[in-house]
Amino acid sequence: MSYDQELREFREAIDGWVPVGRMSRDQELAELERLARRHPAEAKSMLEEQARLDGST
């Protein structure tokens, strides 16, 4: 699978994420870590954008 396909799949998963029930904090962190490891460039970009936004308010 190409990077662009992986990135599209990642974004679709995030956009379509509908919480059902409630995951424990450990489960949430494990899922975030899994996604960040699978898509490191996208994760880094998202964190940098959030840091930029946090710094501008």
C-alpha atoms as a PDB file:
ATOM      1  CA  MET A   1       0.000   0.000   0.000  1.00  0.00           C
ATOM      2  CA  SER A   2       1.382   3.404  -0.917  1.00  0.00           C
ATOM      3  CA  TYR A   3       1.939   6.185   1.585  1.00  0.00           C
ATOM      4  CA  ASP A   4      -0.891   8.220   0.048  1.00  0.00           C
ATOM      5  CA  GLN A   5      -3.282   5.283   0.426  1.00  0.00           C
ATOM      6  CA  GLU A   6      -2.168   4.739   4.021  1.00  0.00           C
ATOM      7  CA  LEU A   7      -2.633   8.434   4.779  1.00  0.00           C
ATOM      8  CA  ARG A   8      -6.084   8.453   3.189  1.00  0.00           C
ATOM      9  CA  GLU A   9      -7.035   5.375   5.250  1.00  0.00           C
ATOM     10  CA  PHE A  10      -5.732   7.077   8.414  1.00  0.00           C
ATOM     11  CA  ARG A  11      -7.740  10.244   7.768  1.00  0.00           C
ATOM     12  CA  GLU A  12     -10.881   8.279   6.909  1.00  0.00           C
ATOM     13  CA  ALA A  13     -10.519   6.301  10.121  1.00  0.00           C
ATOM     14  CA  ILE A  14     -10.176   9.482  12.171  1.00  0.00           C
ATOM     15  CA  ASP A  15     -13.064  11.214  10.373  1.00  0.00           C
ATOM     16  CA  GLY A  16     -15.322   8.200  10.753  1.00  0.00           C
ATOM     17  CA  TRP A  17     -14.404   7.482  14.350  1.00  0.00           C
ATOM     18  CA  VAL A  18     -17.639   7.255  16.305  1.00  0.00           C
ATOM     19  CA  PRO A  19     -17.100   6.391  19.942  1.00  0.00           C
ATOM     20  CA  VAL A  20     -19.081   3.421  21.152  1.00  0.00           C
ATOM     21  CA  GLY A  21     -18.851   2.900  24.834  1.00  0.00           C
ATOM     22  CA  ARG A  22     -15.752   4.213  26.458  1.00  0.00           C
ATOM     23  CA  MET A  23     -12.206   2.982  26.156  1.00  0.00           C
ATOM     24  CA  SER A  24      -9.958   3.119  29.150  1.00  0.00           C
ATOM     25  CA  ARG A  25      -7.193   5.703  29.116  1.00  0.00           C
ATOM     26  CA  ASP A  26      -4.660   2.925  28.563  1.00  0.00           C
ATOM     27  CA  GLN A  27      -6.636   1.669  25.545  1.00  0.00           C
ATOM     28  CA  GLU A  28      -6.894   5.180  24.101  1.00  0.00           C
ATOM     29  CA  LEU A  29      -3.155   5.752  24.519  1.00  0.00           C
ATOM     30  CA  ALA A  30      -2.339   2.365  22.991  1.00  0.00           C
ATOM     31  CA  GLU A  31      -4.512   3.135  19.951  1.00  0.00           C
ATOM     32  CA  LEU A  32      -2.981   6.585  19.516  1.00  0.00           C
ATOM     33  CA  GLU A  33       0.506   5.103  19.792  1.00  0.00           C
ATOM     34  CA  ARG A  34      -0.372   2.429  17.197  1.00  0.00           C
ATOM     35  CA  LEU A  35      -1.632   5.052  14.757  1.00  0.00           C
ATOM     36  CA  ALA A  36       1.337   7.360  15.364  1.00  0.00           C
ATOM     37  CA  ARG A  37       3.791   4.509  14.747  1.00  0.00           C
ATOM     38  CA  ARG A  38       1.964   3.505  11.569  1.00  0.00           C
ATOM     39  CA  HIS A  39       1.809   7.098  10.291  1.00  0.00           C
ATOM     40  CA  PRO A  40       4.738   8.951  11.893  1.00  0.00           C
ATOM     41  CA  ALA A  41       4.959  11.830   9.425  1.00  0.00           C
ATOM     42  CA  GLU A  42       1.252  12.595   9.749  1.00  0.00           C
ATOM     43  CA  ALA A  43       1.400  12.331  13.543  1.00  0.00           C
ATOM     44  CA  LYS A  44       4.374  14.711  13.651  1.00  0.00           C
ATOM     45  CA  SER A  45       2.601  17.154  11.358  1.00  0.00           C
ATOM     46  CA  MET A  46      -0.531  17.096  13.505  1.00  0.00           C
ATOM     47  CA  LEU A  47       1.479  17.680  16.697  1.00  0.00           C
ATOM     48  CA  GLU A  48       3.432  20.542  15.113  1.00  0.00           C
ATOM     49  CA  GLU A  49       0.205  22.169  13.909  1.00  0.00           C
ATOM     50  CA  GLN A  50      -1.349  21.860  17.366  1.00  0.00           C
ATOM     51  CA  ALA A  51       1.764  23.334  18.979  1.00  0.00           C
ATOM     52  CA  ARG A  52       1.650  26.225  16.514  1.00  0.00           C
ATOM     53  CA  LEU A  53      -2.026  26.842  17.325  1.00  0.00           C
ATOM     54  CA  ASP A  54      -1.406  26.597  21.063  1.00  0.00           C
ATOM     55  CA  GLY A  55       1.410  29.103  20.793  1.00  0.00           C
ATOM     56  CA  SER A  56      -0.686  31.643  18.898  1.00  0.00           C
ATOM     57  CA  THR A  57      -3.513  31.944  21.420  1.00  0.00           C
END
